[in-house]
Amino acid sequence: TLEPCSHTGKTPPCADLILDRKIPRVVIAHADPFSEVAG
């Protein structure tokens, strides 16, 4: 429902998890406007 994060905060980046598991397709409701993510 929201863009996977790409930065390390309280947890590791979810974008890295998706790439690590080689998930080929991602459907996202909308981008995250938070400055640490933001596309």
Full PDB file with SEQRES, HELIX, SHEET, SSBOND, CRYST1, ORIGX, SCALE, CONECT and MASTER records, all heavy atoms in Angstrom:
SEQRES   1 A   39  THR LEU GLU PRO CYS SER HIS THR GLY LYS THR PRO PRO          
SEQRES   2 A   39  CYS ALA ASP LEU ILE LEU ASP ARG LYS ILE PRO ARG VAL          
SEQRES   3 A   39  VAL ILE ALA HIS ALA ASP PRO PHE SER GLU VAL ALA GLY          
HELIX    1 AA1 CYS A   14  ASP A   20  1                                   7    
CRYST1    1.000    1.000    1.000  90.00  90.00  90.00 P 1           1          
ORIGX1      1.000000  0.000000  0.000000        0.00000                         
ORIGX2      0.000000  1.000000  0.000000        0.00000                         
ORIGX3      0.000000  0.000000  1.000000        0.00000                         
SCALE1      1.000000  0.000000  0.000000        0.00000                         
SCALE2      0.000000  1.000000  0.000000        0.00000                         
SCALE3      0.000000  0.000000  1.000000        0.00000                         
ATOM      1  N   THR A   1       0.801  -1.228   0.000  1.00  0.00           N  
ATOM      2  CA  THR A   1       0.000   0.000   0.000  1.00  0.00           C  
ATOM      3  C   THR A   1       0.831   1.274   0.000  1.00  0.00           C  
ATOM      4  O   THR A   1       0.282   2.353  -0.194  1.00  0.00           O  
ATOM      5  CB  THR A   1      -0.937   0.023   1.215  1.00  0.00           C  
ATOM      6  OG1 THR A   1      -0.152  -0.055   2.415  1.00  0.00           O  
ATOM      7  CG2 THR A   1      -1.904  -1.151   1.173  1.00  0.00           C  
ATOM      8  N   LEU A   2       2.147   1.165   0.213  1.00  0.00           N  
ATOM      9  CA  LEU A   2       3.008   2.350   0.236  1.00  0.00           C  
ATOM     10  C   LEU A   2       4.380   1.948  -0.282  1.00  0.00           C  
ATOM     11  O   LEU A   2       4.831   0.808  -0.093  1.00  0.00           O  
ATOM     12  CB  LEU A   2       3.127   2.910   1.660  1.00  0.00           C  
ATOM     13  CG  LEU A   2       3.889   4.228   1.834  1.00  0.00           C  
ATOM     14  CD1 LEU A   2       3.105   5.387   1.204  1.00  0.00           C  
ATOM     15  CD2 LEU A   2       4.141   4.529   3.313  1.00  0.00           C  
ATOM     16  N   GLU A   3       5.035   2.879  -0.929  1.00  0.00           N  
ATOM     17  CA  GLU A   3       6.373   2.637  -1.477  1.00  0.00           C  
ATOM     18  C   GLU A   3       7.315   1.996  -0.462  1.00  0.00           C  
ATOM     19  O   GLU A   3       7.465   2.493   0.652  1.00  0.00           O  
ATOM     20  CB  GLU A   3       6.960   3.973  -1.940  1.00  0.00           C  
ATOM     21  CG  GLU A   3       8.402   3.888  -2.407  1.00  0.00           C  
ATOM     22  CD  GLU A   3       8.985   5.257  -2.738  1.00  0.00           C  
ATOM     23  OE1 GLU A   3       8.297   6.273  -2.496  1.00  0.00           O  
ATOM     24  OE2 GLU A   3      10.116   5.303  -3.235  1.00  0.00           O  
ATOM     25  N   PRO A   4       7.969   0.901  -0.811  1.00  0.00           N  
ATOM     26  CA  PRO A   4       8.950   0.300   0.103  1.00  0.00           C  
ATOM     27  C   PRO A   4      10.086   1.267   0.406  1.00  0.00           C  
ATOM     28  O   PRO A   4      10.563   1.983  -0.478  1.00  0.00           O  
ATOM     29  CB  PRO A   4       9.444  -0.925  -0.674  1.00  0.00           C  
ATOM     30  CG  PRO A   4       8.335  -1.247  -1.627  1.00  0.00           C  
ATOM     31  CD  PRO A   4       7.759   0.088  -2.017  1.00  0.00           C  
ATOM     32  N   CYS A   5      10.510   1.284   1.659  1.00  0.00           N  
ATOM     33  CA  CYS A   5      11.559   2.219   2.062  1.00  0.00           C  
ATOM     34  C   CYS A   5      12.900   1.795   1.484  1.00  0.00           C  
ATOM     35  O   CYS A   5      13.141   0.620   1.196  1.00  0.00           O  
ATOM     36  CB  CYS A   5      11.644   2.316   3.585  1.00  0.00           C  
ATOM     37  SG  CYS A   5      12.040   0.761   4.397  1.00  0.00           S  
ATOM     38  N   SER A   6      13.777   2.771   1.312  1.00  0.00           N  
ATOM     39  CA  SER A   6      15.104   2.519   0.744  1.00  0.00           C  
ATOM     40  C   SER A   6      16.212   2.970   1.683  1.00  0.00           C  
ATOM     41  O   SER A   6      17.376   3.010   1.297  1.00  0.00           O  
ATOM     42  CB  SER A   6      15.238   3.256  -0.596  1.00  0.00           C  
ATOM     43  OG  SER A   6      14.974   4.651  -0.417  1.00  0.00           O  
ATOM     44  N   HIS A   7      15.868   3.324   2.909  1.00  0.00           N  
ATOM     45  CA  HIS A   7      16.854   3.824   3.864  1.00  0.00           C  
ATOM     46  C   HIS A   7      16.812   2.961   5.127  1.00  0.00           C  
ATOM     47  O   HIS A   7      15.845   2.251   5.386  1.00  0.00           O  
ATOM     48  CB  HIS A   7      16.568   5.280   4.237  1.00  0.00           C  
ATOM     49  CG  HIS A   7      15.319   5.455   5.055  1.00  0.00           C  
ATOM     50  ND1 HIS A   7      14.049   5.225   4.547  1.00  0.00           N  
ATOM     51  CD2 HIS A   7      15.125   5.808   6.356  1.00  0.00           C  
ATOM     52  CE1 HIS A   7      13.145   5.441   5.486  1.00  0.00           C  
ATOM     53  NE2 HIS A   7      13.764   5.784   6.595  1.00  0.00           N  
ATOM     54  N   THR A   8      17.863   3.034   5.895  1.00  0.00           N  
ATOM     55  CA  THR A   8      17.921   2.314   7.161  1.00  0.00           C  
ATOM     56  C   THR A   8      17.470   3.242   8.277  1.00  0.00           C  
ATOM     57  O   THR A   8      18.099   4.266   8.543  1.00  0.00           O  
ATOM     58  CB  THR A   8      19.349   1.817   7.451  1.00  0.00           C  
ATOM     59  OG1 THR A   8      19.739   0.927   6.401  1.00  0.00           O  
ATOM     60  CG2 THR A   8      19.407   1.083   8.779  1.00  0.00           C  
ATOM     61  N   GLY A   9      16.355   2.907   8.888  1.00  0.00           N  
ATOM     62  CA  GLY A   9      15.864   3.659  10.041  1.00  0.00           C  
ATOM     63  C   GLY A   9      15.913   2.754  11.249  1.00  0.00           C  
ATOM     64  O   GLY A   9      16.968   2.267  11.648  1.00  0.00           O  
ATOM     65  N   LYS A  10      14.728   2.482  11.818  1.00  0.00           N  
ATOM     66  CA  LYS A  10      14.663   1.502  12.904  1.00  0.00           C  
ATOM     67  C   LYS A  10      14.729   0.066  12.376  1.00  0.00           C  
ATOM     68  O   LYS A  10      14.918  -0.872  13.134  1.00  0.00           O  
ATOM     69  CB  LYS A  10      13.390   1.722  13.733  1.00  0.00           C  
ATOM     70  CG  LYS A  10      13.407   3.018  14.536  1.00  0.00           C  
ATOM     71  CD  LYS A  10      12.181   3.130  15.417  1.00  0.00           C  
ATOM     72  CE  LYS A  10      12.253   4.399  16.269  1.00  0.00           C  
ATOM     73  NZ  LYS A  10      13.360   4.372  17.225  1.00  0.00           N  
ATOM     74  N   THR A  11      14.534  -0.076  11.043  1.00  0.00           N  
ATOM     75  CA  THR A  11      14.609  -1.387  10.402  1.00  0.00           C  
ATOM     76  C   THR A  11      15.386  -1.246   9.094  1.00  0.00           C  
ATOM     77  O   THR A  11      15.507  -0.144   8.552  1.00  0.00           O  
ATOM     78  CB  THR A  11      13.201  -1.936  10.106  1.00  0.00           C  
ATOM     79  OG1 THR A  11      12.525  -1.021   9.235  1.00  0.00           O  
ATOM     80  CG2 THR A  11      12.401  -2.112  11.387  1.00  0.00           C  
ATOM     81  N   PRO A  12      15.899  -2.345   8.525  1.00  0.00           N  
ATOM     82  CA  PRO A  12      16.617  -2.282   7.247  1.00  0.00           C  
ATOM     83  C   PRO A  12      15.688  -1.908   6.099  1.00  0.00           C  
ATOM     84  O   PRO A  12      14.463  -2.014   6.211  1.00  0.00           O  
ATOM     85  CB  PRO A  12      17.171  -3.703   7.084  1.00  0.00           C  
ATOM     86  CG  PRO A  12      17.119  -4.310   8.440  1.00  0.00           C  
ATOM     87  CD  PRO A  12      15.955  -3.684   9.129  1.00  0.00           C  
ATOM     88  N   PRO A  13      16.254  -1.505   4.953  1.00  0.00           N  
ATOM     89  CA  PRO A  13      15.425  -1.088   3.816  1.00  0.00           C  
ATOM     90  C   PRO A  13      14.604  -2.248   3.244  1.00  0.00           C  
ATOM     91  O   PRO A  13      15.133  -3.330   2.981  1.00  0.00           O  
ATOM     92  CB  PRO A  13      16.455  -0.589   2.789  1.00  0.00           C  
ATOM     93  CG  PRO A  13      17.699  -0.337   3.558  1.00  0.00           C  
ATOM     94  CD  PRO A  13      17.695  -1.301   4.699  1.00  0.00           C  
ATOM     95  N   CYS A  14      13.336  -2.010   3.026  1.00  0.00           N  
ATOM     96  CA  CYS A  14      12.473  -3.046   2.451  1.00  0.00           C  
ATOM     97  C   CYS A  14      12.774  -3.255   0.967  1.00  0.00           C  
ATOM     98  O   CYS A  14      12.566  -4.359   0.444  1.00  0.00           O  
ATOM     99  CB  CYS A  14      11.005  -2.676   2.658  1.00  0.00           C  
ATOM    100  SG  CYS A  14      10.490  -2.747   4.390  1.00  0.00           S  
ATOM    101  N   ALA A  15      13.240  -2.219   0.285  1.00  0.00           N  
ATOM    102  CA  ALA A  15      13.615  -2.387  -1.117  1.00  0.00           C  
ATOM    103  C   ALA A  15      14.725  -3.420  -1.249  1.00  0.00           C  
ATOM    104  O   ALA A  15      14.717  -4.247  -2.180  1.00  0.00           O  
ATOM    105  CB  ALA A  15      14.048  -1.049  -1.711  1.00  0.00           C  
ATOM    106  N   ASP A  16      15.675  -3.407  -0.333  1.00  0.00           N  
ATOM    107  CA  ASP A  16      16.757  -4.396  -0.364  1.00  0.00           C  
ATOM    108  C   ASP A  16      16.224  -5.805  -0.144  1.00  0.00           C  
ATOM    109  O   ASP A  16      16.705  -6.769  -0.762  1.00  0.00           O  
ATOM    110  CB  ASP A  16      17.804  -4.073   0.703  1.00  0.00           C  
ATOM    111  CG  ASP A  16      18.643  -2.853   0.350  1.00  0.00           C  
ATOM    112  OD1 ASP A  16      18.412  -2.276  -0.737  1.00  0.00           O  
ATOM    113  OD2 ASP A  16      19.518  -2.469   1.151  1.00  0.00           O  
ATOM    114  N   LEU A  17      15.232  -5.952   0.745  1.00  0.00           N  
ATOM    115  CA  LEU A  17      14.642  -7.265   0.991  1.00  0.00           C  
ATOM    116  C   LEU A  17      13.995  -7.810  -0.280  1.00  0.00           C  
ATOM    117  O   LEU A  17      14.149  -8.991  -0.616  1.00  0.00           O  
ATOM    118  CB  LEU A  17      13.596  -7.165   2.107  1.00  0.00           C  
ATOM    119  CG  LEU A  17      12.757  -8.419   2.368  1.00  0.00           C  
ATOM    120  CD1 LEU A  17      13.627  -9.527   2.971  1.00  0.00           C  
ATOM    121  CD2 LEU A  17      11.586  -8.098   3.298  1.00  0.00           C  
ATOM    122  N   ILE A  18      13.266  -6.961  -1.005  1.00  0.00           N  
ATOM    123  CA  ILE A  18      12.605  -7.375  -2.242  1.00  0.00           C  
ATOM    124  C   ILE A  18      13.640  -7.833  -3.271  1.00  0.00           C  
ATOM    125  O   ILE A  18      13.465  -8.864  -3.939  1.00  0.00           O  
ATOM    126  CB  ILE A  18      11.751  -6.212  -2.786  1.00  0.00           C  
ATOM    127  CG1 ILE A  18      10.575  -5.946  -1.842  1.00  0.00           C  
ATOM    128  CG2 ILE A  18      11.256  -6.511  -4.203  1.00  0.00           C  
ATOM    129  CD1 ILE A  18       9.820  -4.672  -2.134  1.00  0.00           C  
ATOM    130  N   LEU A  19      14.735  -7.085  -3.367  1.00  0.00           N  
ATOM    131  CA  LEU A  19      15.783  -7.462  -4.315  1.00  0.00           C  
ATOM    132  C   LEU A  19      16.486  -8.737  -3.873  1.00  0.00           C  
ATOM    133  O   LEU A  19      16.811  -9.598  -4.705  1.00  0.00           O  
ATOM    134  CB  LEU A  19      16.784  -6.313  -4.458  1.00  0.00           C  
ATOM    135  CG  LEU A  19      16.233  -5.009  -5.049  1.00  0.00           C  
ATOM    136  CD1 LEU A  19      17.313  -3.941  -5.079  1.00  0.00           C  
ATOM    137  CD2 LEU A  19      15.685  -5.247  -6.446  1.00  0.00           C  
ATOM    138  N   ASP A  20      16.711  -8.874  -2.573  1.00  0.00           N  
ATOM    139  CA  ASP A  20      17.386 -10.070  -2.064  1.00  0.00           C  
ATOM    140  C   ASP A  20      16.580 -11.327  -2.346  1.00  0.00           C  
ATOM    141  O   ASP A  20      17.154 -12.394  -2.650  1.00  0.00           O  
ATOM    142  CB  ASP A  20      17.628  -9.917  -0.567  1.00  0.00           C  
ATOM    143  CG  ASP A  20      18.322 -11.125   0.040  1.00  0.00           C  
ATOM    144  OD1 ASP A  20      19.517 -11.327  -0.260  1.00  0.00           O  
ATOM    145  OD2 ASP A  20      17.660 -11.865   0.800  1.00  0.00           O  
ATOM    146  N   ARG A  21      15.248 -11.243  -2.239  1.00  0.00           N  
ATOM    147  CA  ARG A  21      14.382 -12.403  -2.496  1.00  0.00           C  
ATOM    148  C   ARG A  21      14.024 -12.542  -3.975  1.00  0.00           C  
ATOM    149  O   ARG A  21      13.266 -13.420  -4.348  1.00  0.00           O  
ATOM    150  CB  ARG A  21      13.107 -12.308  -1.658  1.00  0.00           C  
ATOM    151  CG  ARG A  21      13.309 -12.338  -0.155  1.00  0.00           C  
ATOM    152  CD  ARG A  21      14.105 -13.553   0.306  1.00  0.00           C  
ATOM    153  NE  ARG A  21      13.997 -13.769   1.738  1.00  0.00           N  
ATOM    154  CZ  ARG A  21      14.762 -13.175   2.662  1.00  0.00           C  
ATOM    155  NH1 ARG A  21      15.706 -12.327   2.280  1.00  0.00           N  
ATOM    156  NH2 ARG A  21      14.596 -13.425   3.945  1.00  0.00           N  
ATOM    157  N   LYS A  22      14.557 -11.639  -4.804  1.00  0.00           N  
ATOM    158  CA  LYS A  22      14.375 -11.683  -6.259  1.00  0.00           C  
ATOM    159  C   LYS A  22      12.907 -11.653  -6.669  1.00  0.00           C  
ATOM    160  O   LYS A  22      12.485 -12.307  -7.643  1.00  0.00           O  
ATOM    161  CB  LYS A  22      15.067 -12.920  -6.840  1.00  0.00           C  
ATOM    162  CG  LYS A  22      16.581 -12.919  -6.651  1.00  0.00           C  
ATOM    163  CD  LYS A  22      17.232 -14.144  -7.267  1.00  0.00           C  
ATOM    164  CE  LYS A  22      18.750 -14.037  -7.252  1.00  0.00           C  
ATOM    165  NZ  LYS A  22      19.330 -13.749  -5.925  1.00  0.00           N  
ATOM    166  N   ILE A  23      12.101 -10.886  -5.929  1.00  0.00           N  
ATOM    167  CA  ILE A  23      10.686 -10.708  -6.285  1.00  0.00           C  
ATOM    168  C   ILE A  23      10.634  -9.841  -7.541  1.00  0.00           C  
ATOM    169  O   ILE A  23      11.131  -8.712  -7.542  1.00  0.00           O  
ATOM    170  CB  ILE A  23       9.917 -10.065  -5.121  1.00  0.00           C  
ATOM    171  CG1 ILE A  23       9.957 -10.999  -3.898  1.00  0.00           C  
ATOM    172  CG2 ILE A  23       8.484  -9.741  -5.521  1.00  0.00           C  
ATOM    173  CD1 ILE A  23       9.474 -10.372  -2.606  1.00  0.00           C  
ATOM    174  N   PRO A  24      10.048 -10.329  -8.634  1.00  0.00           N  
ATOM    175  CA  PRO A  24      10.192  -9.646  -9.924  1.00  0.00           C  
ATOM    176  C   PRO A  24       9.220  -8.499 -10.185  1.00  0.00           C  
ATOM    177  O   PRO A  24       9.469  -7.663 -11.058  1.00  0.00           O  
ATOM    178  CB  PRO A  24       9.953 -10.766 -10.933  1.00  0.00           C  
ATOM    179  CG  PRO A  24       8.977 -11.674 -10.233  1.00  0.00           C  
ATOM    180  CD  PRO A  24       9.365 -11.630  -8.777  1.00  0.00           C  
ATOM    181  N   ARG A  25       8.102  -8.471  -9.442  1.00  0.00           N  
ATOM    182  CA  ARG A  25       7.088  -7.459  -9.743  1.00  0.00           C  
ATOM    183  C   ARG A  25       6.527  -6.907  -8.442  1.00  0.00           C  
ATOM    184  O   ARG A  25       6.240  -7.655  -7.509  1.00  0.00           O  
ATOM    185  CB  ARG A  25       5.953  -8.064 -10.576  1.00  0.00           C  
ATOM    186  CG  ARG A  25       4.876  -7.044 -10.964  1.00  0.00           C  
ATOM    187  CD  ARG A  25       3.925  -7.609 -12.022  1.00  0.00           C  
ATOM    188  NE  ARG A  25       2.965  -6.596 -12.418  1.00  0.00           N  
ATOM    189  CZ  ARG A  25       1.647  -6.673 -12.222  1.00  0.00           C  
ATOM    190  NH1 ARG A  25       1.132  -7.736 -11.619  1.00  0.00           N  
ATOM    191  NH2 ARG A  25       0.845  -5.719 -12.617  1.00  0.00           N  
ATOM    192  N   VAL A  26       6.353  -5.587  -8.396  1.00  0.00           N  
ATOM    193  CA  VAL A  26       5.813  -4.919  -7.213  1.00  0.00           C  
ATOM    194  C   VAL A  26       4.725  -3.944  -7.661  1.00  0.00           C  
ATOM    195  O   VAL A  26       4.935  -3.144  -8.582  1.00  0.00           O  
ATOM    196  CB  VAL A  26       6.918  -4.160  -6.434  1.00  0.00           C  
ATOM    197  CG1 VAL A  26       6.323  -3.445  -5.225  1.00  0.00           C  
ATOM    198  CG2 VAL A  26       8.020  -5.117  -6.006  1.00  0.00           C  
ATOM    199  N   VAL A  27       3.573  -4.021  -7.019  1.00  0.00           N  
ATOM    200  CA  VAL A  27       2.455  -3.113  -7.281  1.00  0.00           C  
ATOM    201  C   VAL A  27       2.278  -2.238  -6.037  1.00  0.00           C  
ATOM    202  O   VAL A  27       2.084  -2.756  -4.938  1.00  0.00           O  
ATOM    203  CB  VAL A  27       1.159  -3.887  -7.586  1.00  0.00           C  
ATOM    204  CG1 VAL A  27      -0.008  -2.919  -7.780  1.00  0.00           C  
ATOM    205  CG2 VAL A  27       1.347  -4.761  -8.812  1.00  0.00           C  
ATOM    206  N   ILE A  28       2.332  -0.922  -6.214  1.00  0.00           N  
ATOM    207  CA  ILE A  28       2.353   0.030  -5.103  1.00  0.00           C  
ATOM    208  C   ILE A  28       1.181   0.995  -5.246  1.00  0.00           C  
ATOM    209  O   ILE A  28       0.938   1.532  -6.333  1.00  0.00           O  
ATOM    210  CB  ILE A  28       3.681   0.822  -5.093  1.00  0.00           C  
ATOM    211  CG1 ILE A  28       4.874  -0.131  -4.961  1.00  0.00           C  
ATOM    212  CG2 ILE A  28       3.698   1.872  -3.978  1.00  0.00           C  
ATOM    213  CD1 ILE A  28       6.210   0.534  -5.259  1.00  0.00           C  
ATOM    214  N   ALA A  29       0.472   1.238  -4.145  1.00  0.00           N  
ATOM    215  CA  ALA A  29      -0.640   2.187  -4.207  1.00  0.00           C  
ATOM    216  C   ALA A  29      -0.152   3.603  -4.486  1.00  0.00           C  
ATOM    217  O   ALA A  29      -0.673   4.296  -5.361  1.00  0.00           O  
ATOM    218  CB  ALA A  29      -1.444   2.144  -2.913  1.00  0.00           C  
ATOM    219  N   HIS A  30       0.855   4.051  -3.737  1.00  0.00           N  
ATOM    220  CA  HIS A  30       1.391   5.397  -3.991  1.00  0.00           C  
ATOM    221  C   HIS A  30       2.771   5.555  -3.388  1.00  0.00           C  
ATOM    222  O   HIS A  30       3.186   4.784  -2.512  1.00  0.00           O  
ATOM    223  CB  HIS A  30       0.444   6.488  -3.479  1.00  0.00           C  
ATOM    224  CG  HIS A  30       0.299   6.547  -1.990  1.00  0.00           C  
ATOM    225  ND1 HIS A  30       1.097   7.332  -1.180  1.00  0.00           N  
ATOM    226  CD2 HIS A  30      -0.567   5.932  -1.149  1.00  0.00           C  
ATOM    227  CE1 HIS A  30       0.727   7.186   0.078  1.00  0.00           C  
ATOM    228  NE2 HIS A  30      -0.283   6.337   0.136  1.00  0.00           N  
ATOM    229  N   ALA A  31       3.481   6.556  -3.877  1.00  0.00           N  
ATOM    230  CA  ALA A  31       4.821   6.847  -3.390  1.00  0.00           C  
ATOM    231  C   ALA A  31       4.762   7.426  -1.982  1.00  0.00           C  
ATOM    232  O   ALA A  31       3.751   8.004  -1.567  1.00  0.00           O  
ATOM    233  CB  ALA A  31       5.519   7.822  -4.336  1.00  0.00           C  
ATOM    234  N   ASP A  32       5.859   7.288  -1.259  1.00  0.00           N  
ATOM    235  CA  ASP A  32       5.966   7.795   0.107  1.00  0.00           C  
ATOM    236  C   ASP A  32       6.575   9.193   0.064  1.00  0.00           C  
ATOM    237  O   ASP A  32       7.709   9.362  -0.386  1.00  0.00           O  
ATOM    238  CB  ASP A  32       6.858   6.846   0.914  1.00  0.00           C  
ATOM    239  CG  ASP A  32       6.922   7.200   2.401  1.00  0.00           C  
ATOM    240  OD1 ASP A  32       6.551   8.336   2.762  1.00  0.00           O  
ATOM    241  OD2 ASP A  32       7.350   6.343   3.187  1.00  0.00           O  
ATOM    242  N   PRO A  33       5.846  10.234   0.525  1.00  0.00           N  
ATOM    243  CA  PRO A  33       6.397  11.591   0.468  1.00  0.00           C  
ATOM    244  C   PRO A  33       7.414  11.893   1.561  1.00  0.00           C  
ATOM    245  O   PRO A  33       8.023  12.971   1.550  1.00  0.00           O  
ATOM    246  CB  PRO A  33       5.152  12.472   0.638  1.00  0.00           C  
ATOM    247  CG  PRO A  33       4.248  11.643   1.501  1.00  0.00           C  
ATOM    248  CD  PRO A  33       4.480  10.208   1.063  1.00  0.00           C  
ATOM    249  N   PHE A  34       7.611  10.982   2.526  1.00  0.00           N  
ATOM    250  CA  PHE A  34       8.580  11.220   3.588  1.00  0.00           C  
ATOM    251  C   PHE A  34       9.953  11.448   2.969  1.00  0.00           C  
ATOM    252  O   PHE A  34      10.379  10.718   2.063  1.00  0.00           O  
ATOM    253  CB  PHE A  34       8.605  10.024   4.540  1.00  0.00           C  
ATOM    254  CG  PHE A  34       9.520  10.190   5.716  1.00  0.00           C  
ATOM    255  CD1 PHE A  34       9.358  11.243   6.603  1.00  0.00           C  
ATOM    256  CD2 PHE A  34      10.551   9.291   5.931  1.00  0.00           C  
ATOM    257  CE1 PHE A  34      10.204  11.399   7.694  1.00  0.00           C  
ATOM    258  CE2 PHE A  34      11.394   9.437   7.021  1.00  0.00           C  
ATOM    259  CZ  PHE A  34      11.228  10.490   7.901  1.00  0.00           C  
ATOM    260  N   SER A  35      10.670  12.464   3.451  1.00  0.00           N  
ATOM    261  CA  SER A  35      11.895  12.916   2.793  1.00  0.00           C  
ATOM    262  C   SER A  35      12.959  11.832   2.666  1.00  0.00           C  
ATOM    263  O   SER A  35      13.750  11.832   1.722  1.00  0.00           O  
ATOM    264  CB  SER A  35      12.475  14.117   3.547  1.00  0.00           C  
ATOM    265  OG  SER A  35      12.775  13.763   4.887  1.00  0.00           O  
ATOM    266  N   GLU A  36      12.990  10.877   3.593  1.00  0.00           N  
ATOM    267  CA  GLU A  36      13.996   9.826   3.532  1.00  0.00           C  
ATOM    268  C   GLU A  36      13.674   8.766   2.474  1.00  0.00           C  
ATOM    269  O   GLU A  36      14.527   7.943   2.136  1.00  0.00           O  
ATOM    270  CB  GLU A  36      14.127   9.150   4.905  1.00  0.00           C  
ATOM    271  CG  GLU A  36      14.665  10.055   6.000  1.00  0.00           C  
ATOM    272  CD  GLU A  36      16.106  10.446   5.752  1.00  0.00           C  
ATOM    273  OE1 GLU A  36      16.851   9.648   5.154  1.00  0.00           O  
ATOM    274  OE2 GLU A  36      16.497  11.561   6.141  1.00  0.00           O  
ATOM    275  N   VAL A  37      12.442   8.790   1.954  1.00  0.00           N  
ATOM    276  CA  VAL A  37      12.051   7.825   0.928  1.00  0.00           C  
ATOM    277  C   VAL A  37      11.826   8.576  -0.381  1.00  0.00           C  
ATOM    278  O   VAL A  37      12.663   8.551  -1.269  1.00  0.00           O  
ATOM    279  CB  VAL A  37      10.794   7.041   1.349  1.00  0.00           C  
ATOM    280  CG1 VAL A  37      10.484   5.934   0.340  1.00  0.00           C  
ATOM    281  CG2 VAL A  37      10.963   6.451   2.740  1.00  0.00           C  
ATOM    282  N   ALA A  38      10.660   9.240  -0.496  1.00  0.00           N  
ATOM    283  CA  ALA A  38      10.365  10.182  -1.587  1.00  0.00           C  
ATOM    284  C   ALA A  38      10.755   9.677  -2.965  1.00  0.00           C  
ATOM    285  O   ALA A  38      11.465  10.340  -3.718  1.00  0.00           O  
ATOM    286  CB  ALA A  38      11.044  11.520  -1.296  1.00  0.00           C  
ATOM    287  N   GLY A  39      10.326   8.456  -3.320  1.00  0.00           N  
ATOM    288  CA  GLY A  39      10.572   7.929  -4.647  1.00  0.00           C  
ATOM    289  C   GLY A  39      11.848   7.121  -4.794  1.00  0.00           C  
ATOM    290  O   GLY A  39      12.036   6.437  -5.816  1.00  0.00           O  
TER     291      GLY A  39                                                      
MASTER        0    0    0    1    0    0    0    6  290    1    0    3          
END                                                                             
